[in-house]
Amino acid sequence: MRDFKKLQVWQKSHLLTLEIYKTTSLFPKDELYGLVSQMRRSSSSIPTNIAEGCGRESNIELNRFLTIAKGSASELEYQLLLAKDLNYIDSVAFLSLNEKINEIRKMIYGYGAKLL
């Protein structure tokens, strides 16, 4: 069993989730059950799946959960683009968050490649 809290990729994805929660708290209230909920769910899915994979018995199982985390990162990337296009976030916030997502996704790919 691996300690997910020691993984830099988990730490960064956890911080991203906290930032997404903070950012989406400023969205219009009518998006609470729409885009806000979707962004929070997809962002928290990244560290959640890394953590769950670390609790599994094999590298193959861990890699499967890393694949799910990558999918959640891609989902969040689109949702951020939508939020920018709806003017819920400005271009500066979009670029900063998008850069963090891409960094995390690269880290997940790298970690997964080491497992196989």
PDB file of N, CA and C in Angstrom:
ATOM      1  N   MET A   1       0.843  -1.186   0.000  1.00  0.00           N
ATOM      2  CA  MET A   1       0.000   0.000   0.000  1.00  0.00           C
ATOM      3  C   MET A   1       0.884   1.244   0.000  1.00  0.00           C
ATOM      4  N   ARG A   2       0.578   2.158  -0.881  1.00  0.00           N
ATOM      5  CA  ARG A   2       1.364   3.383  -1.012  1.00  0.00           C
ATOM      6  C   ARG A   2       0.695   4.512  -0.236  1.00  0.00           C
ATOM      7  N   ASP A   3       1.492   5.425   0.297  1.00  0.00           N
ATOM      8  CA  ASP A   3       0.953   6.593   0.981  1.00  0.00           C
ATOM      9  C   ASP A   3       0.754   7.709  -0.044  1.00  0.00           C
ATOM     10  N   PHE A   4      -0.485   7.881  -0.492  1.00  0.00           N
ATOM     11  CA  PHE A   4      -0.776   8.854  -1.546  1.00  0.00           C
ATOM     12  C   PHE A   4      -0.421  10.281  -1.140  1.00  0.00           C
ATOM     13  N   LYS A   5      -0.474  10.567   0.161  1.00  0.00           N
ATOM     14  CA  LYS A   5      -0.198  11.932   0.624  1.00  0.00           C
ATOM     15  C   LYS A   5       1.253  12.352   0.392  1.00  0.00           C
ATOM     16  N   LYS A   6       2.131  11.380   0.174  1.00  0.00           N
ATOM     17  CA  LYS A   6       3.539  11.676  -0.091  1.00  0.00           C
ATOM     18  C   LYS A   6       3.820  11.943  -1.562  1.00  0.00           C
ATOM     19  N   LEU A   7       2.859  11.635  -2.421  1.00  0.00           N
ATOM     20  CA  LEU A   7       3.052  11.830  -3.862  1.00  0.00           C
ATOM     21  C   LEU A   7       2.852  13.299  -4.226  1.00  0.00           C
ATOM     22  N   GLN A   8       3.830  13.865  -4.904  1.00  0.00           N
ATOM     23  CA  GLN A   8       3.736  15.258  -5.316  1.00  0.00           C
ATOM     24  C   GLN A   8       2.537  15.493  -6.235  1.00  0.00           C
ATOM     25  N   VAL A   9       2.230  14.535  -7.088  1.00  0.00           N
ATOM     26  CA  VAL A   9       1.095  14.678  -7.998  1.00  0.00           C
ATOM     27  C   VAL A   9      -0.218  14.738  -7.208  1.00  0.00           C
ATOM     28  N   TRP A  10      -0.325  13.965  -6.138  1.00  0.00           N
ATOM     29  CA  TRP A  10      -1.528  14.034  -5.308  1.00  0.00           C
ATOM     30  C   TRP A  10      -1.594  15.385  -4.605  1.00  0.00           C
ATOM     31  N   GLN A  11      -0.476  15.842  -4.057  1.00  0.00           N
ATOM     32  CA  GLN A  11      -0.442  17.127  -3.352  1.00  0.00           C
ATOM     33  C   GLN A  11      -0.869  18.274  -4.259  1.00  0.00           C
ATOM     34  N   LYS A  12      -0.331  18.279  -5.477  1.00  0.00           N
ATOM     35  CA  LYS A  12      -0.678  19.345  -6.421  1.00  0.00           C
ATOM     36  C   LYS A  12      -2.147  19.262  -6.847  1.00  0.00           C
ATOM     37  N   SER A  13      -2.636  18.059  -7.036  1.00  0.00           N
ATOM     38  CA  SER A  13      -4.039  17.925  -7.442  1.00  0.00           C
ATOM     39  C   SER A  13      -4.988  18.289  -6.296  1.00  0.00           C
ATOM     40  N   HIS A  14      -4.580  18.038  -5.073  1.00  0.00           N
ATOM     41  CA  HIS A  14      -5.379  18.457  -3.915  1.00  0.00           C
ATOM     42  C   HIS A  14      -5.435  19.988  -3.844  1.00  0.00           C
ATOM     43  N   LEU A  15      -4.289  20.631  -4.032  1.00  0.00           N
ATOM     44  CA  LEU A  15      -4.259  22.102  -4.019  1.00  0.00           C
ATOM     45  C   LEU A  15      -5.094  22.682  -5.162  1.00  0.00           C
ATOM     46  N   LEU A  16      -5.055  22.036  -6.330  1.00  0.00           N
ATOM     47  CA  LEU A  16      -5.880  22.482  -7.445  1.00  0.00           C
ATOM     48  C   LEU A  16      -7.362  22.384  -7.077  1.00  0.00           C
ATOM     49  N   THR A  17      -7.749  21.300  -6.439  1.00  0.00           N
ATOM     50  CA  THR A  17      -9.144  21.131  -6.026  1.00  0.00           C
ATOM     51  C   THR A  17      -9.564  22.251  -5.081  1.00  0.00           C
ATOM     52  N   LEU A  18      -8.718  22.579  -4.127  1.00  0.00           N
ATOM     53  CA  LEU A  18      -9.029  23.679  -3.207  1.00  0.00           C
ATOM     54  C   LEU A  18      -9.194  24.991  -3.965  1.00  0.00           C
ATOM     55  N   GLU A  19      -8.339  25.209  -4.958  1.00  0.00           N
ATOM     56  CA  GLU A  19      -8.419  26.422  -5.760  1.00  0.00           C
ATOM     57  C   GLU A  19      -9.697  26.450  -6.608  1.00  0.00           C
ATOM     58  N   ILE A  20     -10.087  25.311  -7.131  1.00  0.00           N
ATOM     59  CA  ILE A  20     -11.330  25.234  -7.914  1.00  0.00           C
ATOM     60  C   ILE A  20     -12.527  25.537  -7.011  1.00  0.00           C
ATOM     61  N   TYR A  21     -12.537  25.004  -5.806  1.00  0.00           N
ATOM     62  CA  TYR A  21     -13.632  25.303  -4.876  1.00  0.00           C
ATOM     63  C   TYR A  21     -13.702  26.803  -4.604  1.00  0.00           C
ATOM     64  N   LYS A  22     -12.566  27.411  -4.380  1.00  0.00           N
ATOM     65  CA  LYS A  22     -12.533  28.857  -4.106  1.00  0.00           C
ATOM     66  C   LYS A  22     -13.012  29.647  -5.329  1.00  0.00           C
ATOM     67  N   THR A  23     -12.511  29.285  -6.500  1.00  0.00           N
ATOM     68  CA  THR A  23     -12.870  29.983  -7.731  1.00  0.00           C
ATOM     69  C   THR A  23     -14.358  29.852  -8.029  1.00  0.00           C
ATOM     70  N   THR A  24     -14.895  28.652  -7.895  1.00  0.00           N
ATOM     71  CA  THR A  24     -16.305  28.437  -8.240  1.00  0.00           C
ATOM     72  C   THR A  24     -17.256  29.047  -7.219  1.00  0.00           C
ATOM     73  N   SER A  25     -16.760  29.391  -6.052  1.00  0.00           N
ATOM     74  CA  SER A  25     -17.629  30.045  -5.063  1.00  0.00           C
ATOM     75  C   SER A  25     -18.058  31.434  -5.537  1.00  0.00           C
ATOM     76  N   LEU A  26     -17.365  31.958  -6.549  1.00  0.00           N
ATOM     77  CA  LEU A  26     -17.684  33.278  -7.100  1.00  0.00           C
ATOM     78  C   LEU A  26     -18.603  33.197  -8.326  1.00  0.00           C
ATOM     79  N   PHE A  27     -18.925  31.993  -8.766  1.00  0.00           N
ATOM     80  CA  PHE A  27     -19.787  31.816  -9.936  1.00  0.00           C
ATOM     81  C   PHE A  27     -21.221  32.222  -9.586  1.00  0.00           C
ATOM     82  N   PRO A  28     -22.035  32.507 -10.595  1.00  0.00           N
ATOM     83  CA  PRO A  28     -23.446  32.834 -10.332  1.00  0.00           C
ATOM     84  C   PRO A  28     -24.136  31.703  -9.574  1.00  0.00           C
ATOM     85  N   LYS A  29     -25.034  32.068  -8.694  1.00  0.00           N
ATOM     86  CA  LYS A  29     -25.724  31.073  -7.856  1.00  0.00           C
ATOM     87  C   LYS A  29     -26.548  30.086  -8.677  1.00  0.00           C
ATOM     88  N   ASP A  30     -27.015  30.508  -9.859  1.00  0.00           N
ATOM     89  CA  ASP A  30     -27.801  29.575 -10.665  1.00  0.00           C
ATOM     90  C   ASP A  30     -26.943  28.480 -11.289  1.00  0.00           C
ATOM     91  N   GLU A  31     -25.614  28.565 -11.137  1.00  0.00           N
ATOM     92  CA  GLU A  31     -24.706  27.513 -11.613  1.00  0.00           C
ATOM     93  C   GLU A  31     -24.332  26.525 -10.506  1.00  0.00           C
ATOM     94  N   LEU A  32     -24.877  26.717  -9.305  1.00  0.00           N
ATOM     95  CA  LEU A  32     -24.498  25.873  -8.168  1.00  0.00           C
ATOM     96  C   LEU A  32     -24.679  24.385  -8.465  1.00  0.00           C
ATOM     97  N   TYR A  33     -25.782  24.028  -9.109  1.00  0.00           N
ATOM     98  CA  TYR A  33     -26.035  22.613  -9.406  1.00  0.00           C
ATOM     99  C   TYR A  33     -25.656  22.258 -10.837  1.00  0.00           C
ATOM    100  N   GLY A  34     -25.056  23.179 -11.529  1.00  0.00           N
ATOM    101  CA  GLY A  34     -24.612  22.953 -12.899  1.00  0.00           C
ATOM    102  C   GLY A  34     -23.100  22.918 -12.964  1.00  0.00           C
ATOM    103  N   LEU A  35     -22.526  23.963 -13.527  1.00  0.00           N
ATOM    104  CA  LEU A  35     -21.091  24.013 -13.769  1.00  0.00           C
ATOM    105  C   LEU A  35     -20.269  23.960 -12.477  1.00  0.00           C
ATOM    106  N   VAL A  36     -20.729  24.610 -11.434  1.00  0.00           N
ATOM    107  CA  VAL A  36     -19.994  24.587 -10.153  1.00  0.00           C
ATOM    108  C   VAL A  36     -19.860  23.150  -9.660  1.00  0.00           C
ATOM    109  N   SER A  37     -20.977  22.445  -9.636  1.00  0.00           N
ATOM    110  CA  SER A  37     -20.968  21.064  -9.163  1.00  0.00           C
ATOM    111  C   SER A  37     -20.077  20.190 -10.045  1.00  0.00           C
ATOM    112  N   GLN A  38     -20.168  20.365 -11.358  1.00  0.00           N
ATOM    113  CA  GLN A  38     -19.366  19.559 -12.276  1.00  0.00           C
ATOM    114  C   GLN A  38     -17.877  19.822 -12.095  1.00  0.00           C
ATOM    115  N   MET A  39     -17.498  21.090 -11.970  1.00  0.00           N
ATOM    116  CA  MET A  39     -16.079  21.426 -11.817  1.00  0.00           C
ATOM    117  C   MET A  39     -15.526  20.911 -10.498  1.00  0.00           C
ATOM    118  N   ARG A  40     -16.311  21.027  -9.457  1.00  0.00           N
ATOM    119  CA  ARG A  40     -15.851  20.533  -8.159  1.00  0.00           C
ATOM    120  C   ARG A  40     -15.712  19.018  -8.171  1.00  0.00           C
ATOM    121  N   ARG A  41     -16.647  18.367  -8.802  1.00  0.00           N
ATOM    122  CA  ARG A  41     -16.608  16.903  -8.866  1.00  0.00           C
ATOM    123  C   ARG A  41     -15.420  16.425  -9.704  1.00  0.00           C
ATOM    124  N   SER A  42     -15.208  17.027 -10.866  1.00  0.00           N
ATOM    125  CA  SER A  42     -14.101  16.565 -11.714  1.00  0.00           C
ATOM    126  C   SER A  42     -12.748  16.911 -11.091  1.00  0.00           C
ATOM    127  N   SER A  43     -12.643  18.074 -10.445  1.00  0.00           N
ATOM    128  CA  SER A  43     -11.354  18.419  -9.819  1.00  0.00           C
ATOM    129  C   SER A  43     -11.053  17.498  -8.645  1.00  0.00           C
ATOM    130  N   SER A  44     -12.044  17.213  -7.813  1.00  0.00           N
ATOM    131  CA  SER A  44     -11.796  16.337  -6.663  1.00  0.00           C
ATOM    132  C   SER A  44     -11.606  14.884  -7.088  1.00  0.00           C
ATOM    133  N   SER A  45     -12.084  14.537  -8.271  1.00  0.00           N
ATOM    134  CA  SER A  45     -11.899  13.179  -8.778  1.00  0.00           C
ATOM    135  C   SER A  45     -10.434  12.880  -9.068  1.00  0.00           C
ATOM    136  N   ILE A  46      -9.656  13.892  -9.371  1.00  0.00           N
ATOM    137  CA  ILE A  46      -8.239  13.669  -9.686  1.00  0.00           C
ATOM    138  C   ILE A  46      -7.494  13.122  -8.464  1.00  0.00           C
ATOM    139  N   PRO A  47      -7.442  13.868  -7.336  1.00  0.00           N
ATOM    140  CA  PRO A  47      -6.736  13.313  -6.174  1.00  0.00           C
ATOM    141  C   PRO A  47      -7.446  12.105  -5.562  1.00  0.00           C
ATOM    142  N   THR A  48      -8.761  12.048  -5.703  1.00  0.00           N
ATOM    143  CA  THR A  48      -9.502  10.903  -5.166  1.00  0.00           C
ATOM    144  C   THR A  48      -9.084   9.610  -5.855  1.00  0.00           C
ATOM    145  N   ASN A  49      -8.986   9.644  -7.174  1.00  0.00           N
ATOM    146  CA  ASN A  49      -8.600   8.434  -7.903  1.00  0.00           C
ATOM    147  C   ASN A  49      -7.142   8.072  -7.683  1.00  0.00           C
ATOM    148  N   ILE A  50      -6.289   9.068  -7.528  1.00  0.00           N
ATOM    149  CA  ILE A  50      -4.891   8.771  -7.187  1.00  0.00           C
ATOM    150  C   ILE A  50      -4.840   8.068  -5.836  1.00  0.00           C
ATOM    151  N   ALA A  51      -5.592   8.590  -4.865  1.00  0.00           N
ATOM    152  CA  ALA A  51      -5.619   7.986  -3.529  1.00  0.00           C
ATOM    153  C   ALA A  51      -6.175   6.569  -3.576  1.00  0.00           C
ATOM    154  N   GLU A  52      -7.278   6.390  -4.284  1.00  0.00           N
ATOM    155  CA  GLU A  52      -7.872   5.059  -4.359  1.00  0.00           C
ATOM    156  C   GLU A  52      -6.931   4.068  -5.031  1.00  0.00           C
ATOM    157  N   GLY A  53      -6.282   4.491  -6.104  1.00  0.00           N
ATOM    158  CA  GLY A  53      -5.335   3.622  -6.785  1.00  0.00           C
ATOM    159  C   GLY A  53      -4.179   3.207  -5.892  1.00  0.00           C
ATOM    160  N   CYS A  54      -3.732   4.123  -5.054  1.00  0.00           N
ATOM    161  CA  CYS A  54      -2.625   3.810  -4.141  1.00  0.00           C
ATOM    162  C   CYS A  54      -3.023   2.768  -3.098  1.00  0.00           C
ATOM    163  N   GLY A  55      -4.304   2.640  -2.849  1.00  0.00           N
ATOM    164  CA  GLY A  55      -4.780   1.649  -1.896  1.00  0.00           C
ATOM    165  C   GLY A  55      -5.007   0.281  -2.515  1.00  0.00           C
ATOM    166  N   ARG A  56      -4.778   0.161  -3.793  1.00  0.00           N
ATOM    167  CA  ARG A  56      -4.983  -1.112  -4.482  1.00  0.00           C
ATOM    168  C   ARG A  56      -3.743  -1.986  -4.391  1.00  0.00           C
ATOM    169  N   GLU A  57      -3.912  -3.227  -4.763  1.00  0.00           N
ATOM    170  CA  GLU A  57      -2.876  -4.236  -4.560  1.00  0.00           C
ATOM    171  C   GLU A  57      -1.783  -4.250  -5.624  1.00  0.00           C
ATOM    172  N   SER A  58      -2.074  -3.777  -6.834  1.00  0.00           N
ATOM    173  CA  SER A  58      -1.097  -3.946  -7.900  1.00  0.00           C
ATOM    174  C   SER A  58      -0.887  -2.647  -8.675  1.00  0.00           C
ATOM    175  N   ASN A  59       0.230  -2.612  -9.394  1.00  0.00           N
ATOM    176  CA  ASN A  59       0.517  -1.467 -10.257  1.00  0.00           C
ATOM    177  C   ASN A  59      -0.497  -1.361 -11.397  1.00  0.00           C
ATOM    178  N   ILE A  60      -0.998  -2.499 -11.853  1.00  0.00           N
ATOM    179  CA  ILE A  60      -2.000  -2.487 -12.925  1.00  0.00           C
ATOM    180  C   ILE A  60      -3.269  -1.790 -12.444  1.00  0.00           C
ATOM    181  N   GLU A  61      -3.693  -2.107 -11.225  1.00  0.00           N
ATOM    182  CA  GLU A  61      -4.883  -1.454 -10.671  1.00  0.00           C
ATOM    183  C   GLU A  61      -4.628   0.030 -10.450  1.00  0.00           C
ATOM    184  N   LEU A  62      -3.460   0.377  -9.902  1.00  0.00           N
ATOM    185  CA  LEU A  62      -3.119   1.787  -9.694  1.00  0.00           C
ATOM    186  C   LEU A  62      -3.145   2.528 -11.021  1.00  0.00           C
ATOM    187  N   ASN A  63      -2.589   1.925 -12.040  1.00  0.00           N
ATOM    188  CA  ASN A  63      -2.550   2.571 -13.352  1.00  0.00           C
ATOM    189  C   ASN A  63      -3.956   2.819 -13.902  1.00  0.00           C
ATOM    190  N   ARG A  64      -4.887   1.898 -13.624  1.00  0.00           N
ATOM    191  CA  ARG A  64      -6.275   2.073 -14.064  1.00  0.00           C
ATOM    192  C   ARG A  64      -6.878   3.319 -13.416  1.00  0.00           C
ATOM    193  N   PHE A  65      -6.606   3.528 -12.136  1.00  0.00           N
ATOM    194  CA  PHE A  65      -7.137   4.708 -11.449  1.00  0.00           C
ATOM    195  C   PHE A  65      -6.432   5.990 -11.898  1.00  0.00           C
ATOM    196  N   LEU A  66      -5.162   5.876 -12.265  1.00  0.00           N
ATOM    197  CA  LEU A  66      -4.463   7.043 -12.824  1.00  0.00           C
ATOM    198  C   LEU A  66      -5.084   7.432 -14.162  1.00  0.00           C
ATOM    199  N   THR A  67      -5.506   6.445 -14.932  1.00  0.00           N
ATOM    200  CA  THR A  67      -6.178   6.720 -16.202  1.00  0.00           C
ATOM    201  C   THR A  67      -7.487   7.480 -15.967  1.00  0.00           C
ATOM    202  N   ILE A  68      -8.217   7.092 -14.951  1.00  0.00           N
ATOM    203  CA  ILE A  68      -9.457   7.794 -14.606  1.00  0.00           C
ATOM    204  C   ILE A  68      -9.139   9.223 -14.179  1.00  0.00           C
ATOM    205  N   ALA A  69      -8.067   9.406 -13.401  1.00  0.00           N
ATOM    206  CA  ALA A  69      -7.662  10.747 -12.961  1.00  0.00           C
ATOM    207  C   ALA A  69      -7.311  11.626 -14.161  1.00  0.00           C
ATOM    208  N   LYS A  70      -6.643  11.055 -15.160  1.00  0.00           N
ATOM    209  CA  LYS A  70      -6.317  11.815 -16.381  1.00  0.00           C
ATOM    210  C   LYS A  70      -7.591  12.239 -17.101  1.00  0.00           C
ATOM    211  N   GLY A  71      -8.562  11.357 -17.142  1.00  0.00           N
ATOM    212  CA  GLY A  71      -9.839  11.699 -17.761  1.00  0.00           C
ATOM    213  C   GLY A  71     -10.527  12.836 -17.028  1.00  0.00           C
ATOM    214  N   SER A  72     -10.473  12.809 -15.719  1.00  0.00           N
ATOM    215  CA  SER A  72     -11.076  13.887 -14.921  1.00  0.00           C
ATOM    216  C   SER A  72     -10.355  15.210 -15.155  1.00  0.00           C
ATOM    217  N   ALA A  73      -9.043  15.148 -15.347  1.00  0.00           N
ATOM    218  CA  ALA A  73      -8.277  16.368 -15.638  1.00  0.00           C
ATOM    219  C   ALA A  73      -8.703  16.949 -16.989  1.00  0.00           C
ATOM    220  N   SER A  74      -8.925  16.100 -17.961  1.00  0.00           N
ATOM    221  CA  SER A  74      -9.384  16.570 -19.271  1.00  0.00           C
ATOM    222  C   SER A  74     -10.790  17.161 -19.175  1.00  0.00           C
ATOM    223  N   GLU A  75     -11.631  16.528 -18.390  1.00  0.00           N
ATOM    224  CA  GLU A  75     -12.984  17.038 -18.171  1.00  0.00           C
ATOM    225  C   GLU A  75     -12.925  18.432 -17.538  1.00  0.00           C
ATOM    226  N   LEU A  76     -12.087  18.583 -16.528  1.00  0.00           N
ATOM    227  CA  LEU A  76     -11.938  19.874 -15.861  1.00  0.00           C
ATOM    228  C   LEU A  76     -11.381  20.923 -16.812  1.00  0.00           C
ATOM    229  N   GLU A  77     -10.471  20.515 -17.670  1.00  0.00           N
ATOM    230  CA  GLU A  77      -9.900  21.453 -18.636  1.00  0.00           C
ATOM    231  C   GLU A  77     -11.006  22.052 -19.514  1.00  0.00           C
ATOM    232  N   TYR A  78     -11.915  21.212 -19.999  1.00  0.00           N
ATOM    233  CA  TYR A  78     -13.017  21.735 -20.800  1.00  0.00           C
ATOM    234  C   TYR A  78     -13.933  22.640 -19.967  1.00  0.00           C
ATOM    235  N   GLN A  79     -14.237  22.227 -18.764  1.00  0.00           N
ATOM    236  CA  GLN A  79     -15.134  23.017 -17.918  1.00  0.00           C
ATOM    237  C   GLN A  79     -14.542  24.398 -17.624  1.00  0.00           C
ATOM    238  N   LEU A  80     -13.226  24.460 -17.473  1.00  0.00           N
ATOM    239  CA  LEU A  80     -12.573  25.764 -17.298  1.00  0.00           C
ATOM    240  C   LEU A  80     -12.718  26.626 -18.545  1.00  0.00           C
ATOM    241  N   LEU A  81     -12.554  26.022 -19.696  1.00  0.00           N
ATOM    242  CA  LEU A  81     -12.737  26.749 -20.949  1.00  0.00           C
ATOM    243  C   LEU A  81     -14.165  27.287 -21.051  1.00  0.00           C
ATOM    244  N   LEU A  82     -15.126  26.467 -20.689  1.00  0.00           N
ATOM    245  CA  LEU A  82     -16.520  26.899 -20.700  1.00  0.00           C
ATOM    246  C   LEU A  82     -16.734  28.056 -19.724  1.00  0.00           C
ATOM    247  N   ALA A  83     -16.171  27.942 -18.536  1.00  0.00           N
ATOM    248  CA  ALA A  83     -16.305  29.018 -17.542  1.00  0.00           C
ATOM    249  C   ALA A  83     -15.703  30.323 -18.056  1.00  0.00           C
ATOM    250  N   LYS A  84     -14.581  30.224 -18.745  1.00  0.00           N
ATOM    251  CA  LYS A  84     -13.962  31.426 -19.324  1.00  0.00           C
ATOM    252  C   LYS A  84     -14.860  32.010 -20.404  1.00  0.00           C
ATOM    253  N   ASP A  85     -15.370  31.154 -21.283  1.00  0.00           N
ATOM    254  CA  ASP A  85     -16.212  31.630 -22.378  1.00  0.00           C
ATOM    255  C   ASP A  85     -17.532  32.214 -21.885  1.00  0.00           C
ATOM    256  N   LEU A  86     -17.991  31.773 -20.718  1.00  0.00           N
ATOM    257  CA  LEU A  86     -19.204  32.332 -20.106  1.00  0.00           C
ATOM    258  C   LEU A  86     -18.887  33.566 -19.248  1.00  0.00           C
ATOM    259  N   ASN A  87     -17.601  33.948 -19.221  1.00  0.00           N
ATOM    260  CA  ASN A  87     -17.130  35.105 -18.441  1.00  0.00           C
ATOM    261  C   ASN A  87     -17.300  34.918 -16.933  1.00  0.00           C
ATOM    262  N   TYR A  88     -17.218  33.669 -16.463  1.00  0.00           N
ATOM    263  CA  TYR A  88     -17.238  33.404 -15.029  1.00  0.00           C
ATOM    264  C   TYR A  88     -15.848  33.534 -14.432  1.00  0.00           C
ATOM    265  N   ILE A  89     -14.830  33.327 -15.263  1.00  0.00           N
ATOM    266  CA  ILE A  89     -13.443  33.560 -14.857  1.00  0.00           C
ATOM    267  C   ILE A  89     -12.768  34.356 -15.961  1.00  0.00           C
ATOM    268  N   ASP A  90     -11.752  35.117 -15.581  1.00  0.00           N
ATOM    269  CA  ASP A  90     -11.037  35.902 -16.588  1.00  0.00           C
ATOM    270  C   ASP A  90      -9.908  35.077 -17.203  1.00  0.00           C
ATOM    271  N   SER A  91      -9.291  35.629 -18.213  1.00  0.00           N
ATOM    272  CA  SER A  91      -8.245  34.906 -18.946  1.00  0.00           C
ATOM    273  C   SER A  91      -7.045  34.581 -18.075  1.00  0.00           C
ATOM    274  N   VAL A  92      -6.720  35.454 -17.144  1.00  0.00           N
ATOM    275  CA  VAL A  92      -5.567  35.221 -16.264  1.00  0.00           C
ATOM    276  C   VAL A  92      -5.823  33.999 -15.378  1.00  0.00           C
ATOM    277  N   ALA A  93      -7.000  33.943 -14.777  1.00  0.00           N
ATOM    278  CA  ALA A  93      -7.350  32.793 -13.928  1.00  0.00           C
ATOM    279  C   ALA A  93      -7.403  31.515 -14.761  1.00  0.00           C
ATOM    280  N   PHE A  94      -7.983  31.626 -15.951  1.00  0.00           N
ATOM    281  CA  PHE A  94      -8.065  30.463 -16.836  1.00  0.00           C
ATOM    282  C   PHE A  94      -6.679  29.921 -17.153  1.00  0.00           C
ATOM    283  N   LEU A  95      -5.764  30.800 -17.555  1.00  0.00           N
ATOM    284  CA  LEU A  95      -4.419  30.354 -17.934  1.00  0.00           C
ATOM    285  C   LEU A  95      -3.694  29.721 -16.759  1.00  0.00           C
ATOM    286  N   SER A  96      -3.830  30.313 -15.587  1.00  0.00           N
ATOM    287  CA  SER A  96      -3.176  29.780 -14.394  1.00  0.00           C
ATOM    288  C   SER A  96      -3.701  28.390 -14.041  1.00  0.00           C
ATOM    289  N   LEU A  97      -5.016  28.248 -14.009  1.00  0.00           N
ATOM    290  CA  LEU A  97      -5.610  26.959 -13.667  1.00  0.00           C
ATOM    291  C   LEU A  97      -5.347  25.916 -14.746  1.00  0.00           C
ATOM    292  N   ASN A  98      -5.428  26.326 -15.992  1.00  0.00           N
ATOM    293  CA  ASN A  98      -5.189  25.400 -17.100  1.00  0.00           C
ATOM    294  C   ASN A  98      -3.744  24.887 -17.086  1.00  0.00           C
ATOM    295  N   GLU A  99      -2.821  25.760 -16.759  1.00  0.00           N
ATOM    296  CA  GLU A  99      -1.415  25.360 -16.652  1.00  0.00           C
ATOM    297  C   GLU A  99      -1.233  24.313 -15.554  1.00  0.00           C
ATOM    298  N   LYS A 100      -1.917  24.512 -14.437  1.00  0.00           N
ATOM    299  CA  LYS A 100      -1.825  23.551 -13.334  1.00  0.00           C
ATOM    300  C   LYS A 100      -2.404  22.199 -13.736  1.00  0.00           C
ATOM    301  N   ILE A 101      -3.512  22.218 -14.451  1.00  0.00           N
ATOM    302  CA  ILE A 101      -4.110  20.961 -14.921  1.00  0.00           C
ATOM    303  C   ILE A 101      -3.137  20.228 -15.837  1.00  0.00           C
ATOM    304  N   ASN A 102      -2.544  20.941 -16.773  1.00  0.00           N
ATOM    305  CA  ASN A 102      -1.604  20.306 -17.707  1.00  0.00           C
ATOM    306  C   ASN A 102      -0.385  19.747 -16.989  1.00  0.00           C
ATOM    307  N   GLU A 103       0.107  20.466 -15.983  1.00  0.00           N
ATOM    308  CA  GLU A 103       1.240  19.971 -15.205  1.00  0.00           C
ATOM    309  C   GLU A 103       0.867  18.686 -14.470  1.00  0.00           C
ATOM    310  N   ILE A 104      -0.301  18.678 -13.860  1.00  0.00           N
ATOM    311  CA  ILE A 104      -0.759  17.496 -13.128  1.00  0.00           C
ATOM    312  C   ILE A 104      -0.952  16.323 -14.075  1.00  0.00           C
ATOM    313  N   ARG A 105      -1.549  16.577 -15.227  1.00  0.00           N
ATOM    314  CA  ARG A 105      -1.770  15.503 -16.201  1.00  0.00           C
ATOM    315  C   ARG A 105      -0.432  14.902 -16.640  1.00  0.00           C
ATOM    316  N   LYS A 106       0.573  15.743 -16.889  1.00  0.00           N
ATOM    317  CA  LYS A 106       1.904  15.246 -17.263  1.00  0.00           C
ATOM    318  C   LYS A 106       2.511  14.412 -16.143  1.00  0.00           C
ATOM    319  N   MET A 107       2.309  14.851 -14.910  1.00  0.00           N
ATOM    320  CA  MET A 107       2.836  14.109 -13.768  1.00  0.00           C
ATOM    321  C   MET A 107       2.160  12.742 -13.651  1.00  0.00           C
ATOM    322  N   ILE A 108       0.857  12.706 -13.914  1.00  0.00           N
ATOM    323  CA  ILE A 108       0.134  11.441 -13.853  1.00  0.00           C
ATOM    324  C   ILE A 108       0.655  10.501 -14.940  1.00  0.00           C
ATOM    325  N   TYR A 109       0.839  11.029 -16.148  1.00  0.00           N
ATOM    326  CA  TYR A 109       1.401  10.208 -17.238  1.00  0.00           C
ATOM    327  C   TYR A 109       2.768   9.652 -16.842  1.00  0.00           C
ATOM    328  N   GLY A 110       3.615  10.509 -16.274  1.00  0.00           N
ATOM    329  CA  GLY A 110       4.952  10.075 -15.873  1.00  0.00           C
ATOM    330  C   GLY A 110       4.923   9.016 -14.797  1.00  0.00           C
ATOM    331  N   TYR A 111       4.065   9.206 -13.823  1.00  0.00           N
ATOM    332  CA  TYR A 111       3.949   8.236 -12.738  1.00  0.00           C
ATOM    333  C   TYR A 111       3.434   6.905 -13.281  1.00  0.00           C
ATOM    334  N   GLY A 112       2.445   6.964 -14.141  1.00  0.00           N
ATOM    335  CA  GLY A 112       1.904   5.744 -14.732  1.00  0.00           C
ATOM    336  C   GLY A 112       2.935   5.000 -15.560  1.00  0.00           C
ATOM    337  N   ALA A 113       3.759   5.749 -16.298  1.00  0.00           N
ATOM    338  CA  ALA A 113       4.784   5.126 -17.135  1.00  0.00           C
ATOM    339  C   ALA A 113       5.823   4.381 -16.275  1.00  0.00           C
ATOM    340  N   LYS A 114       6.104   4.887 -15.100  1.00  0.00           N
ATOM    341  CA  LYS A 114       7.056   4.230 -14.203  1.00  0.00           C
ATOM    342  C   LYS A 114       6.512   2.907 -13.659  1.00  0.00           C
ATOM    343  N   LEU A 115       5.194   2.801 -13.603  1.00  0.00           N
ATOM    344  CA  LEU A 115       4.568   1.606 -13.022  1.00  0.00           C
ATOM    345  C   LEU A 115       4.616   0.404 -13.950  1.00  0.00           C
ATOM    346  N   LEU A 116       4.625   0.689 -15.239  1.00  0.00           N
ATOM    347  CA  LEU A 116       4.516  -0.430 -16.210  1.00  0.00           C
ATOM    348  C   LEU A 116       5.851  -0.958 -16.668  1.00  0.00           C
TER     349      LEU A 116
END
